């Protein structure tokens, strides 16, 4: 196993790495994908600004991050990560951290 880099340690500070992830609002049996796009290994949740019907809002987006280059997989790859949360639940950054997915804001 390789040593964790400073960037990786910072990314996962305060993140629960339990496997399988546990949260009362998590879809039963949900697990993060085992095969990220080549060259990427860190699934992150990003709170991104969006405009919906002319109204500015924010939405969580799941993407993979290369901590060496700070490039997101969605810039070069198409992939889909199943939404982990029960319908109607609006997760916070702490909720993402609780299931092992670092949040970026």
PDB file of N, CA and C in Angstrom:
ATOM      1  N   UNK A   1       0.840  -1.179   0.000  1.00  0.00           N
ATOM      2  CA  UNK A   1       0.000   0.000   0.000  1.00  0.00           C
ATOM      3  C   UNK A   1       0.886   1.244   0.000  1.00  0.00           C
ATOM      4  N   UNK A   2       0.554   2.209  -0.810  1.00  0.00           N
ATOM      5  CA  UNK A   2       1.374   3.410  -0.902  1.00  0.00           C
ATOM      6  C   UNK A   2       1.069   4.364   0.251  1.00  0.00           C
ATOM      7  N   UNK A   3       2.034   5.242   0.496  1.00  0.00           N
ATOM      8  CA  UNK A   3       1.846   6.256   1.530  1.00  0.00           C
ATOM      9  C   UNK A   3       0.845   7.290   1.059  1.00  0.00           C
ATOM     10  N   UNK A   4       0.107   7.831   2.001  1.00  0.00           N
ATOM     11  CA  UNK A   4      -0.869   8.865   1.684  1.00  0.00           C
ATOM     12  C   UNK A   4      -0.142  10.204   1.535  1.00  0.00           C
ATOM     13  N   UNK A   5      -0.511  10.952   0.514  1.00  0.00           N
ATOM     14  CA  UNK A   5       0.123  12.252   0.293  1.00  0.00           C
ATOM     15  C   UNK A   5      -0.515  13.304   1.195  1.00  0.00           C
ATOM     16  N   UNK A   6       0.121  14.449   1.282  1.00  0.00           N
ATOM     17  CA  UNK A   6      -0.410  15.557   2.079  1.00  0.00           C
ATOM     18  C   UNK A   6      -1.778  15.987   1.540  1.00  0.00           C
ATOM     19  N   UNK A   7      -1.921  16.049   0.214  1.00  0.00           N
ATOM     20  CA  UNK A   7      -3.190  16.446  -0.405  1.00  0.00           C
ATOM     21  C   UNK A   7      -4.293  15.438  -0.087  1.00  0.00           C
ATOM     22  N   UNK A   8      -3.952  14.144  -0.115  1.00  0.00           N
ATOM     23  CA  UNK A   8      -4.935  13.113   0.203  1.00  0.00           C
ATOM     24  C   UNK A   8      -5.349  13.191   1.669  1.00  0.00           C
ATOM     25  N   UNK A   9      -4.385  13.409   2.550  1.00  0.00           N
ATOM     26  CA  UNK A   9      -4.676  13.530   3.978  1.00  0.00           C
ATOM     27  C   UNK A   9      -5.589  14.724   4.239  1.00  0.00           C
ATOM     28  N   UNK A  10      -5.333  15.829   3.559  1.00  0.00           N
ATOM     29  CA  UNK A  10      -6.165  17.028   3.728  1.00  0.00           C
ATOM     30  C   UNK A  10      -7.578  16.782   3.205  1.00  0.00           C
ATOM     31  N   UNK A  11      -7.693  16.098   2.078  1.00  0.00           N
ATOM     32  CA  UNK A  11      -8.989  15.800   1.480  1.00  0.00           C
ATOM     33  C   UNK A  11      -9.858  14.984   2.428  1.00  0.00           C
ATOM     34  N   UNK A  12      -9.252  14.021   3.112  1.00  0.00           N
ATOM     35  CA  UNK A  12     -10.009  13.102   3.964  1.00  0.00           C
ATOM     36  C   UNK A  12     -10.031  13.493   5.437  1.00  0.00           C
ATOM     37  N   UNK A  13      -9.551  14.673   5.785  1.00  0.00           N
ATOM     38  CA  UNK A  13      -9.606  15.118   7.183  1.00  0.00           C
ATOM     39  C   UNK A  13     -11.071  15.219   7.615  1.00  0.00           C
ATOM     40  N   UNK A  14     -11.432  14.516   8.687  1.00  0.00           N
ATOM     41  CA  UNK A  14     -12.790  14.556   9.224  1.00  0.00           C
ATOM     42  C   UNK A  14     -13.789  13.685   8.496  1.00  0.00           C
ATOM     43  N   UNK A  15     -13.336  12.904   7.516  1.00  0.00           N
ATOM     44  CA  UNK A  15     -14.227  12.045   6.736  1.00  0.00           C
ATOM     45  C   UNK A  15     -14.224  10.645   7.336  1.00  0.00           C
ATOM     46  N   UNK A  16     -15.414  10.080   7.540  1.00  0.00           N
ATOM     47  CA  UNK A  16     -15.563   8.731   8.089  1.00  0.00           C
ATOM     48  C   UNK A  16     -15.289   7.724   6.974  1.00  0.00           C
ATOM     49  N   UNK A  17     -14.278   6.883   7.135  1.00  0.00           N
ATOM     50  CA  UNK A  17     -13.891   5.922   6.086  1.00  0.00           C
ATOM     51  C   UNK A  17     -14.469   4.532   6.328  1.00  0.00           C
ATOM     52  N   UNK A  18     -15.482   4.404   7.194  1.00  0.00           N
ATOM     53  CA  UNK A  18     -16.081   3.098   7.483  1.00  0.00           C
ATOM     54  C   UNK A  18     -16.623   2.474   6.197  1.00  0.00           C
ATOM     55  N   UNK A  19     -16.470   1.164   6.100  1.00  0.00           N
ATOM     56  CA  UNK A  19     -16.968   0.438   4.941  1.00  0.00           C
ATOM     57  C   UNK A  19     -17.721  -0.788   5.432  1.00  0.00           C
ATOM     58  N   UNK A  20     -19.001  -0.910   5.135  1.00  0.00           N
ATOM     59  CA  UNK A  20     -19.809  -0.047   4.280  1.00  0.00           C
ATOM     60  C   UNK A  20     -20.186   1.253   4.993  1.00  0.00           C
ATOM     61  N   UNK A  21     -20.498   2.293   4.214  1.00  0.00           N
ATOM     62  CA  UNK A  21     -20.884   3.569   4.817  1.00  0.00           C
ATOM     63  C   UNK A  21     -22.199   3.437   5.590  1.00  0.00           C
ATOM     64  N   UNK A  22     -22.338   4.231   6.640  1.00  0.00           N
ATOM     65  CA  UNK A  22     -23.531   4.189   7.488  1.00  0.00           C
ATOM     66  C   UNK A  22     -24.130   5.586   7.614  1.00  0.00           C
ATOM     67  N   UNK A  23     -25.440   5.692   7.370  1.00  0.00           N
ATOM     68  CA  UNK A  23     -26.161   6.958   7.567  1.00  0.00           C
ATOM     69  C   UNK A  23     -27.641   6.622   7.505  1.00  0.00           C
ATOM     70  N   UNK A  24     -28.433   7.235   8.374  1.00  0.00           N
ATOM     71  CA  UNK A  24     -29.863   6.912   8.422  1.00  0.00           C
ATOM     72  C   UNK A  24     -30.610   7.270   7.139  1.00  0.00           C
ATOM     73  N   UNK A  25     -30.086   8.178   6.328  1.00  0.00           N
ATOM     74  CA  UNK A  25     -30.755   8.590   5.089  1.00  0.00           C
ATOM     75  C   UNK A  25     -30.114   7.999   3.829  1.00  0.00           C
ATOM     76  N   UNK A  26     -29.146   7.115   4.016  1.00  0.00           N
ATOM     77  CA  UNK A  26     -28.490   6.461   2.888  1.00  0.00           C
ATOM     78  C   UNK A  26     -29.419   5.389   2.317  1.00  0.00           C
ATOM     79  N   UNK A  27     -29.475   5.263   1.003  1.00  0.00           N
ATOM     80  CA  UNK A  27     -30.258   4.198   0.383  1.00  0.00           C
ATOM     81  C   UNK A  27     -29.679   2.865   0.842  1.00  0.00           C
ATOM     82  N   UNK A  28     -30.541   1.971   1.301  1.00  0.00           N
ATOM     83  CA  UNK A  28     -30.107   0.677   1.805  1.00  0.00           C
ATOM     84  C   UNK A  28     -29.262  -0.051   0.766  1.00  0.00           C
ATOM     85  N   UNK A  29     -28.075  -0.481   1.178  1.00  0.00           N
ATOM     86  CA  UNK A  29     -27.189  -1.240   0.308  1.00  0.00           C
ATOM     87  C   UNK A  29     -26.318  -0.407  -0.611  1.00  0.00           C
ATOM     88  N   UNK A  30     -26.447   0.930  -0.572  1.00  0.00           N
ATOM     89  CA  UNK A  30     -25.641   1.761  -1.464  1.00  0.00           C
ATOM     90  C   UNK A  30     -24.165   1.655  -1.102  1.00  0.00           C
ATOM     91  N   UNK A  31     -23.345   1.497  -2.120  1.00  0.00           N
ATOM     92  CA  UNK A  31     -21.889   1.508  -1.976  1.00  0.00           C
ATOM     93  C   UNK A  31     -21.310   2.369  -3.087  1.00  0.00           C
ATOM     94  N   UNK A  32     -20.210   3.059  -2.823  1.00  0.00           N
ATOM     95  CA  UNK A  32     -19.591   3.838  -3.900  1.00  0.00           C
ATOM     96  C   UNK A  32     -19.084   2.905  -4.998  1.00  0.00           C
ATOM     97  N   UNK A  33     -19.042   3.375  -6.239  1.00  0.00           N
ATOM     98  CA  UNK A  33     -18.540   2.538  -7.334  1.00  0.00           C
ATOM     99  C   UNK A  33     -17.126   2.036  -7.041  1.00  0.00           C
ATOM    100  N   UNK A  34     -16.859   0.799  -7.459  1.00  0.00           N
ATOM    101  CA  UNK A  34     -15.540   0.211  -7.222  1.00  0.00           C
ATOM    102  C   UNK A  34     -14.532   0.594  -8.290  1.00  0.00           C
ATOM    103  N   UNK A  35     -15.009   1.004  -9.457  1.00  0.00           N
ATOM    104  CA  UNK A  35     -14.092   1.280 -10.563  1.00  0.00           C
ATOM    105  C   UNK A  35     -14.242   2.721 -11.048  1.00  0.00           C
ATOM    106  N   UNK A  36     -13.471   3.644 -10.475  1.00  0.00           N
ATOM    107  CA  UNK A  36     -13.516   5.027 -10.970  1.00  0.00           C
ATOM    108  C   UNK A  36     -12.845   5.119 -12.341  1.00  0.00           C
ATOM    109  N   UNK A  37     -13.028   6.230 -13.035  1.00  0.00           N
ATOM    110  CA  UNK A  37     -12.328   6.405 -14.311  1.00  0.00           C
ATOM    111  C   UNK A  37     -10.814   6.255 -14.117  1.00  0.00           C
ATOM    112  N   UNK A  38     -10.145   5.739 -15.133  1.00  0.00           N
ATOM    113  CA  UNK A  38      -8.699   5.507 -15.051  1.00  0.00           C
ATOM    114  C   UNK A  38      -7.960   6.792 -14.677  1.00  0.00           C
ATOM    115  N   UNK A  39      -7.073   6.672 -13.696  1.00  0.00           N
ATOM    116  CA  UNK A  39      -6.276   7.806 -13.252  1.00  0.00           C
ATOM    117  C   UNK A  39      -6.894   8.585 -12.099  1.00  0.00           C
ATOM    118  N   UNK A  40      -8.090   8.203 -11.691  1.00  0.00           N
ATOM    119  CA  UNK A  40      -8.793   8.902 -10.610  1.00  0.00           C
ATOM    120  C   UNK A  40      -9.179   7.891  -9.540  1.00  0.00           C
ATOM    121  N   UNK A  41      -9.095   8.294  -8.279  1.00  0.00           N
ATOM    122  CA  UNK A  41      -9.498   7.362  -7.232  1.00  0.00           C
ATOM    123  C   UNK A  41     -10.316   7.993  -6.126  1.00  0.00           C
ATOM    124  N   UNK A  42     -10.492   9.306  -6.118  1.00  0.00           N
ATOM    125  CA  UNK A  42     -11.187   9.965  -5.019  1.00  0.00           C
ATOM    126  C   UNK A  42     -12.531  10.523  -5.451  1.00  0.00           C
ATOM    127  N   UNK A  43     -13.600   9.877  -5.001  1.00  0.00           N
ATOM    128  CA  UNK A  43     -14.947  10.368  -5.242  1.00  0.00           C
ATOM    129  C   UNK A  43     -15.205  11.515  -4.272  1.00  0.00           C
ATOM    130  N   UNK A  44     -15.655  12.644  -4.791  1.00  0.00           N
ATOM    131  CA  UNK A  44     -15.934  13.822  -3.968  1.00  0.00           C
ATOM    132  C   UNK A  44     -17.325  14.363  -4.308  1.00  0.00           C
ATOM    133  N   UNK A  45     -17.914  15.070  -3.350  1.00  0.00           N
ATOM    134  CA  UNK A  45     -19.185  15.760  -3.556  1.00  0.00           C
ATOM    135  C   UNK A  45     -18.886  17.253  -3.615  1.00  0.00           C
ATOM    136  N   UNK A  46     -19.321  17.897  -4.679  1.00  0.00           N
ATOM    137  CA  UNK A  46     -19.032  19.317  -4.899  1.00  0.00           C
ATOM    138  C   UNK A  46     -20.340  20.101  -4.838  1.00  0.00           C
ATOM    139  N   UNK A  47     -20.394  21.123  -3.994  1.00  0.00           N
ATOM    140  CA  UNK A  47     -21.563  21.998  -3.953  1.00  0.00           C
ATOM    141  C   UNK A  47     -21.351  23.080  -5.007  1.00  0.00           C
ATOM    142  N   UNK A  48     -22.090  22.953  -6.099  1.00  0.00           N
ATOM    143  CA  UNK A  48     -21.875  23.824  -7.257  1.00  0.00           C
ATOM    144  C   UNK A  48     -23.054  24.770  -7.467  1.00  0.00           C
ATOM    145  N   UNK A  49     -22.774  26.002  -7.884  1.00  0.00           N
ATOM    146  CA  UNK A  49     -23.866  26.925  -8.203  1.00  0.00           C
ATOM    147  C   UNK A  49     -24.533  26.508  -9.515  1.00  0.00           C
ATOM    148  N   UNK A  50     -25.859  26.584  -9.541  1.00  0.00           N
ATOM    149  CA  UNK A  50     -26.631  26.268 -10.747  1.00  0.00           C
ATOM    150  C   UNK A  50     -27.729  27.317 -10.910  1.00  0.00           C
ATOM    151  N   UNK A  51     -28.212  27.441 -12.118  1.00  0.00           N
ATOM    152  CA  UNK A  51     -29.345  28.337 -12.379  1.00  0.00           C
ATOM    153  C   UNK A  51     -30.466  27.460 -12.923  1.00  0.00           C
ATOM    154  N   UNK A  52     -31.583  27.420 -12.180  1.00  0.00           N
ATOM    155  CA  UNK A  52     -32.732  26.609 -12.568  1.00  0.00           C
ATOM    156  C   UNK A  52     -33.918  27.537 -12.778  1.00  0.00           C
ATOM    157  N   UNK A  53     -34.418  27.566 -14.013  1.00  0.00           N
ATOM    158  CA  UNK A  53     -35.534  28.438 -14.388  1.00  0.00           C
ATOM    159  C   UNK A  53     -35.282  29.876 -13.948  1.00  0.00           C
ATOM    160  N   UNK A  54     -34.049  30.345 -14.177  1.00  0.00           N
ATOM    161  CA  UNK A  54     -33.688  31.716 -13.882  1.00  0.00           C
ATOM    162  C   UNK A  54     -33.372  32.007 -12.429  1.00  0.00           C
ATOM    163  N   UNK A  55     -33.435  30.993 -11.579  1.00  0.00           N
ATOM    164  CA  UNK A  55     -33.177  31.179 -10.150  1.00  0.00           C
ATOM    165  C   UNK A  55     -31.824  30.569  -9.795  1.00  0.00           C
ATOM    166  N   UNK A  56     -30.983  31.364  -9.143  1.00  0.00           N
ATOM    167  CA  UNK A  56     -29.667  30.884  -8.693  1.00  0.00           C
ATOM    168  C   UNK A  56     -29.862  29.959  -7.496  1.00  0.00           C
ATOM    169  N   UNK A  57     -29.229  28.786  -7.527  1.00  0.00           N
ATOM    170  CA  UNK A  57     -29.331  27.819  -6.445  1.00  0.00           C
ATOM    171  C   UNK A  57     -28.018  27.055  -6.373  1.00  0.00           C
ATOM    172  N   UNK A  58     -27.973  26.042  -5.525  1.00  0.00           N
ATOM    173  CA  UNK A  58     -26.794  25.189  -5.394  1.00  0.00           C
ATOM    174  C   UNK A  58     -27.225  23.740  -5.468  1.00  0.00           C
ATOM    175  N   UNK A  59     -26.337  22.891  -6.007  1.00  0.00           N
ATOM    176  CA  UNK A  59     -26.650  21.486  -6.183  1.00  0.00           C
ATOM    177  C   UNK A  59     -25.383  20.663  -5.945  1.00  0.00           C
ATOM    178  N   UNK A  60     -25.540  19.524  -5.274  1.00  0.00           N
ATOM    179  CA  UNK A  60     -24.402  18.628  -5.070  1.00  0.00           C
ATOM    180  C   UNK A  60     -24.151  17.832  -6.343  1.00  0.00           C
ATOM    181  N   UNK A  61     -22.895  17.746  -6.734  1.00  0.00           N
ATOM    182  CA  UNK A  61     -22.469  16.988  -7.905  1.00  0.00           C
ATOM    183  C   UNK A  61     -21.386  16.016  -7.454  1.00  0.00           C
ATOM    184  N   UNK A  62     -21.477  14.773  -7.909  1.00  0.00           N
ATOM    185  CA  UNK A  62     -20.457  13.778  -7.592  1.00  0.00           C
ATOM    186  C   UNK A  62     -19.460  13.694  -8.734  1.00  0.00           C
ATOM    187  N   UNK A  63     -18.181  13.705  -8.401  1.00  0.00           N
ATOM    188  CA  UNK A  63     -17.119  13.657  -9.403  1.00  0.00           C
ATOM    189  C   UNK A  63     -15.901  13.002  -8.764  1.00  0.00           C
ATOM    190  N   UNK A  64     -14.958  12.634  -9.578  1.00  0.00           N
ATOM    191  CA  UNK A  64     -13.695  12.078  -9.078  1.00  0.00           C
ATOM    192  C   UNK A  64     -12.611  13.133  -9.212  1.00  0.00           C
ATOM    193  N   UNK A  65     -11.705  13.158  -8.236  1.00  0.00           N
ATOM    194  CA  UNK A  65     -10.645  14.153  -8.197  1.00  0.00           C
ATOM    195  C   UNK A  65      -9.281  13.480  -8.222  1.00  0.00           C
ATOM    196  N   UNK A  66      -8.392  13.995  -9.051  1.00  0.00           N
ATOM    197  CA  UNK A  66      -6.982  13.598  -9.030  1.00  0.00           C
ATOM    198  C   UNK A  66      -6.280  14.611  -8.134  1.00  0.00           C
ATOM    199  N   UNK A  67      -5.851  14.180  -6.952  1.00  0.00           N
ATOM    200  CA  UNK A  67      -5.259  15.117  -5.990  1.00  0.00           C
ATOM    201  C   UNK A  67      -3.887  15.614  -6.426  1.00  0.00           C
ATOM    202  N   UNK A  68      -3.234  14.926  -7.356  1.00  0.00           N
ATOM    203  CA  UNK A  68      -1.929  15.387  -7.842  1.00  0.00           C
ATOM    204  C   UNK A  68      -2.065  16.569  -8.799  1.00  0.00           C
ATOM    205  N   UNK A  69      -3.113  16.545  -9.631  1.00  0.00           N
ATOM    206  CA  UNK A  69      -3.276  17.578 -10.652  1.00  0.00           C
ATOM    207  C   UNK A  69      -4.423  18.548 -10.365  1.00  0.00           C
ATOM    208  N   UNK A  70      -5.281  18.203  -9.396  1.00  0.00           N
ATOM    209  CA  UNK A  70      -6.490  18.981  -9.070  1.00  0.00           C
ATOM    210  C   UNK A  70      -7.450  19.045 -10.259  1.00  0.00           C
ATOM    211  N   UNK A  71      -7.460  17.987 -11.072  1.00  0.00           N
ATOM    212  CA  UNK A  71      -8.360  17.892 -12.218  1.00  0.00           C
ATOM    213  C   UNK A  71      -9.477  16.912 -11.873  1.00  0.00           C
ATOM    214  N   UNK A  72     -10.696  17.265 -12.282  1.00  0.00           N
ATOM    215  CA  UNK A  72     -11.842  16.399 -12.061  1.00  0.00           C
ATOM    216  C   UNK A  72     -12.030  15.471 -13.257  1.00  0.00           C
ATOM    217  N   UNK A  73     -12.460  14.249 -12.994  1.00  0.00           N
ATOM    218  CA  UNK A  73     -12.644  13.249 -14.041  1.00  0.00           C
ATOM    219  C   UNK A  73     -13.656  13.695 -15.086  1.00  0.00           C
ATOM    220  N   UNK A  74     -14.672  14.444 -14.682  1.00  0.00           N
ATOM    221  CA  UNK A  74     -15.712  14.866 -15.627  1.00  0.00           C
ATOM    222  C   UNK A  74     -15.169  15.761 -16.742  1.00  0.00           C
ATOM    223  N   UNK A  75     -13.963  16.277 -16.567  1.00  0.00           N
ATOM    224  CA  UNK A  75     -13.359  17.098 -17.614  1.00  0.00           C
ATOM    225  C   UNK A  75     -12.926  16.257 -18.814  1.00  0.00           C
ATOM    226  N   UNK A  76     -12.678  14.948 -18.589  1.00  0.00           N
ATOM    227  CA  UNK A  76     -12.186  14.074 -19.660  1.00  0.00           C
ATOM    228  C   UNK A  76     -12.985  12.787 -19.848  1.00  0.00           C
ATOM    229  N   UNK A  77     -13.873  12.459 -18.906  1.00  0.00           N
ATOM    230  CA  UNK A  77     -14.560  11.164 -18.929  1.00  0.00           C
ATOM    231  C   UNK A  77     -16.059  11.337 -18.709  1.00  0.00           C
ATOM    232  N   UNK A  78     -16.808  10.370 -19.244  1.00  0.00           N
ATOM    233  CA  UNK A  78     -18.234  10.285 -18.940  1.00  0.00           C
ATOM    234  C   UNK A  78     -18.413   9.113 -17.998  1.00  0.00           C
ATOM    235  N   UNK A  79     -19.147   9.323 -16.925  1.00  0.00           N
ATOM    236  CA  UNK A  79     -19.395   8.265 -15.947  1.00  0.00           C
ATOM    237  C   UNK A  79     -20.644   8.635 -15.168  1.00  0.00           C
ATOM    238  N   UNK A  80     -21.174   7.671 -14.460  1.00  0.00           N
ATOM    239  CA  UNK A  80     -22.357   7.913 -13.646  1.00  0.00           C
ATOM    240  C   UNK A  80     -22.149   7.296 -12.276  1.00  0.00           C
ATOM    241  N   UNK A  81     -22.447   8.059 -11.244  1.00  0.00           N
ATOM    242  CA  UNK A  81     -22.380   7.565  -9.873  1.00  0.00           C
ATOM    243  C   UNK A  81     -23.806   7.578  -9.335  1.00  0.00           C
ATOM    244  N   UNK A  82     -24.326   6.427  -8.893  1.00  0.00           N
ATOM    245  CA  UNK A  82     -25.693   6.405  -8.360  1.00  0.00           C
ATOM    246  C   UNK A  82     -25.834   7.331  -7.149  1.00  0.00           C
ATOM    247  N   UNK A  83     -26.931   8.089  -7.099  1.00  0.00           N
ATOM    248  CA  UNK A  83     -27.199   8.991  -5.981  1.00  0.00           C
ATOM    249  C   UNK A  83     -27.388   8.145  -4.720  1.00  0.00           C
ATOM    250  N   UNK A  84     -26.693   8.465  -3.635  1.00  0.00           N
ATOM    251  CA  UNK A  84     -26.736   7.614  -2.447  1.00  0.00           C
ATOM    252  C   UNK A  84     -27.886   7.884  -1.477  1.00  0.00           C
ATOM    253  N   UNK A  85     -28.572   9.007  -1.643  1.00  0.00           N
ATOM    254  CA  UNK A  85     -29.517   9.448  -0.616  1.00  0.00           C
ATOM    255  C   UNK A  85     -30.962   9.099  -0.938  1.00  0.00           C
ATOM    256  N   UNK A  86     -31.743   8.867   0.122  1.00  0.00           N
ATOM    257  CA  UNK A  86     -33.170   8.615  -0.020  1.00  0.00           C
ATOM    258  C   UNK A  86     -33.849   9.838  -0.639  1.00  0.00           C
ATOM    259  N   UNK A  87     -34.920   9.587  -1.384  1.00  0.00           N
ATOM    260  CA  UNK A  87     -35.662  10.661  -2.049  1.00  0.00           C
ATOM    261  C   UNK A  87     -36.101  11.713  -1.037  1.00  0.00           C
ATOM    262  N   UNK A  88     -35.906  12.980  -1.399  1.00  0.00           N
ATOM    263  CA  UNK A  88     -36.330  14.090  -0.563  1.00  0.00           C
ATOM    264  C   UNK A  88     -35.303  14.567   0.448  1.00  0.00           C
ATOM    265  N   UNK A  89     -34.259  13.772   0.687  1.00  0.00           N
ATOM    266  CA  UNK A  89     -33.240  14.166   1.661  1.00  0.00           C
ATOM    267  C   UNK A  89     -32.275  15.147   1.008  1.00  0.00           C
ATOM    268  N   UNK A  90     -31.964  16.239   1.703  1.00  0.00           N
ATOM    269  CA  UNK A  90     -31.018  17.242   1.207  1.00  0.00           C
ATOM    270  C   UNK A  90     -29.761  17.178   2.064  1.00  0.00           C
ATOM    271  N   UNK A  91     -28.713  16.517   1.567  1.00  0.00           N
ATOM    272  CA  UNK A  91     -27.505  16.332   2.374  1.00  0.00           C
ATOM    273  C   UNK A  91     -26.724  17.628   2.587  1.00  0.00           C
ATOM    274  N   UNK A  92     -26.018  17.663   3.700  1.00  0.00           N
ATOM    275  CA  UNK A  92     -25.079  18.746   3.994  1.00  0.00           C
ATOM    276  C   UNK A  92     -23.669  18.210   3.772  1.00  0.00           C
ATOM    277  N   UNK A  93     -22.691  19.068   3.872  1.00  0.00           N
ATOM    278  CA  UNK A  93     -21.307  18.618   3.770  1.00  0.00           C
ATOM    279  C   UNK A  93     -20.981  17.544   4.795  1.00  0.00           C
ATOM    280  N   UNK A  94     -21.498  17.685   6.005  1.00  0.00           N
ATOM    281  CA  UNK A  94     -21.248  16.686   7.048  1.00  0.00           C
ATOM    282  C   UNK A  94     -21.850  15.334   6.703  1.00  0.00           C
ATOM    283  N   UNK A  95     -22.993  15.326   6.008  1.00  0.00           N
ATOM    284  CA  UNK A  95     -23.600  14.056   5.599  1.00  0.00           C
ATOM    285  C   UNK A  95     -22.702  13.326   4.606  1.00  0.00           C
ATOM    286  N   UNK A  96     -22.138  14.074   3.650  1.00  0.00           N
ATOM    287  CA  UNK A  96     -21.222  13.455   2.683  1.00  0.00           C
ATOM    288  C   UNK A  96     -20.007  12.879   3.408  1.00  0.00           C
ATOM    289  N   UNK A  97     -19.430  13.668   4.309  1.00  0.00           N
ATOM    290  CA  UNK A  97     -18.263  13.198   5.065  1.00  0.00           C
ATOM    291  C   UNK A  97     -18.594  11.933   5.848  1.00  0.00           C
ATOM    292  N   UNK A  98     -19.828  11.844   6.369  1.00  0.00           N
ATOM    293  CA  UNK A  98     -20.237  10.702   7.185  1.00  0.00           C
ATOM    294  C   UNK A  98     -20.294   9.404   6.387  1.00  0.00           C
ATOM    295  N   UNK A  99     -20.446   9.501   5.055  1.00  0.00           N
ATOM    296  CA  UNK A  99     -20.482   8.274   4.247  1.00  0.00           C
ATOM    297  C   UNK A  99     -19.184   8.062   3.466  1.00  0.00           C
ATOM    298  N   UNK A 100     -18.141   8.779   3.848  1.00  0.00           N
ATOM    299  CA  UNK A 100     -16.827   8.547   3.252  1.00  0.00           C
ATOM    300  C   UNK A 100     -16.534   9.312   1.980  1.00  0.00           C
ATOM    301  N   UNK A 101     -17.387  10.282   1.645  1.00  0.00           N
ATOM    302  CA  UNK A 101     -17.178  11.081   0.435  1.00  0.00           C
ATOM    303  C   UNK A 101     -16.864  12.512   0.867  1.00  0.00           C
ATOM    304  N   UNK A 102     -15.616  12.949   0.700  1.00  0.00           N
ATOM    305  CA  UNK A 102     -15.274  14.315   1.092  1.00  0.00           C
ATOM    306  C   UNK A 102     -16.109  15.335   0.317  1.00  0.00           C
ATOM    307  N   UNK A 103     -16.516  16.397   1.003  1.00  0.00           N
ATOM    308  CA  UNK A 103     -17.280  17.448   0.325  1.00  0.00           C
ATOM    309  C   UNK A 103     -16.384  18.644   0.048  1.00  0.00           C
ATOM    310  N   UNK A 104     -16.608  19.263  -1.100  1.00  0.00           N
ATOM    311  CA  UNK A 104     -15.880  20.465  -1.511  1.00  0.00           C
ATOM    312  C   UNK A 104     -16.902  21.565  -1.736  1.00  0.00           C
ATOM    313  N   UNK A 105     -16.607  22.752  -1.228  1.00  0.00           N
ATOM    314  CA  UNK A 105     -17.550  23.865  -1.390  1.00  0.00           C
ATOM    315  C   UNK A 105     -16.832  25.046  -2.003  1.00  0.00           C
TER     316      UNK A 105
END
